[in-house]
Amino acid sequence: MPGPDVSADEVGRLFVTSLDLLMTESAVVSNLRIIEEAHKGTRGGPSDPQR
């Protein structure tokens, strides 16, 4: 996550990007809870050098 105040819309966008769901029009995220954990890297996420 880019930060602790990330929105559900941003989480949805990151999820779709990470899974390469190219034909996805939208993603709905509900009941979002942020759990702090060591970063493992995410394709298309904040630490992706190709972003």
Protein backbone atom coordinates (compact mmCIF):
# COMPACT_ATOMS: atom_id res chain seq x y z
CA MET A 1 0.00 0.00 0.00
CA PRO A 2 1.23 3.49 -0.70
CA GLY A 3 0.26 4.56 2.84
CA PRO A 4 -2.03 3.94 5.81
CA ASP A 5 -4.75 6.24 4.44
CA VAL A 6 -5.17 4.37 1.13
CA SER A 7 -8.71 4.36 -0.24
CA ALA A 8 -10.74 1.28 -1.16
CA ASP A 9 -10.70 2.50 -4.80
CA GLU A 10 -6.89 2.58 -4.79
CA VAL A 11 -6.74 -0.92 -3.27
CA GLY A 12 -9.06 -2.16 -6.02
CA ARG A 13 -6.87 -0.58 -8.70
CA LEU A 14 -3.72 -2.10 -7.19
CA PHE A 15 -5.40 -5.52 -6.98
CA VAL A 16 -6.48 -5.44 -10.64
CA THR A 17 -3.02 -4.24 -11.74
CA SER A 18 -1.21 -6.84 -9.64
CA LEU A 19 -3.19 -9.69 -11.19
CA ASP A 20 -2.98 -8.27 -14.75
CA LEU A 21 -6.76 -8.27 -15.10
CA LEU A 22 -6.60 -6.15 -18.25
CA MET A 23 -10.25 -6.47 -19.25
CA THR A 24 -11.64 -5.57 -15.82
CA GLU A 25 -13.87 -2.49 -15.90
CA SER A 26 -14.12 -2.04 -12.15
CA ALA A 27 -13.41 -3.60 -8.79
CA VAL A 28 -15.45 -3.15 -5.65
CA VAL A 29 -13.64 -3.40 -2.32
CA SER A 30 -15.73 -3.50 0.85
CA ASN A 31 -14.96 -4.02 4.53
CA LEU A 32 -11.35 -2.96 3.93
CA ARG A 33 -9.00 -3.48 6.89
CA ILE A 34 -5.32 -2.60 6.66
CA ILE A 35 -3.06 -5.05 8.50
CA GLU A 36 0.56 -4.00 8.85
CA GLU A 37 2.98 -6.63 7.51
CA ALA A 38 6.45 -6.64 5.98
CA HIS A 39 6.36 -5.62 2.31
CA LYS A 40 6.93 -8.48 -0.13
CA GLY A 41 6.59 -6.49 -3.35
CA THR A 42 3.69 -6.22 -5.75
CA ARG A 43 3.77 -6.12 -9.54
CA GLY A 44 2.34 -2.74 -10.48
CA GLY A 45 2.49 -1.55 -6.89
CA PRO A 46 4.41 1.32 -5.29
CA SER A 47 7.73 -0.57 -5.24
CA ASP A 48 7.56 -1.82 -8.86
CA PRO A 49 10.46 -0.23 -10.80
CA GLN A 50 8.46 -0.52 -14.07
CA ARG A 51 5.57 1.55 -12.68
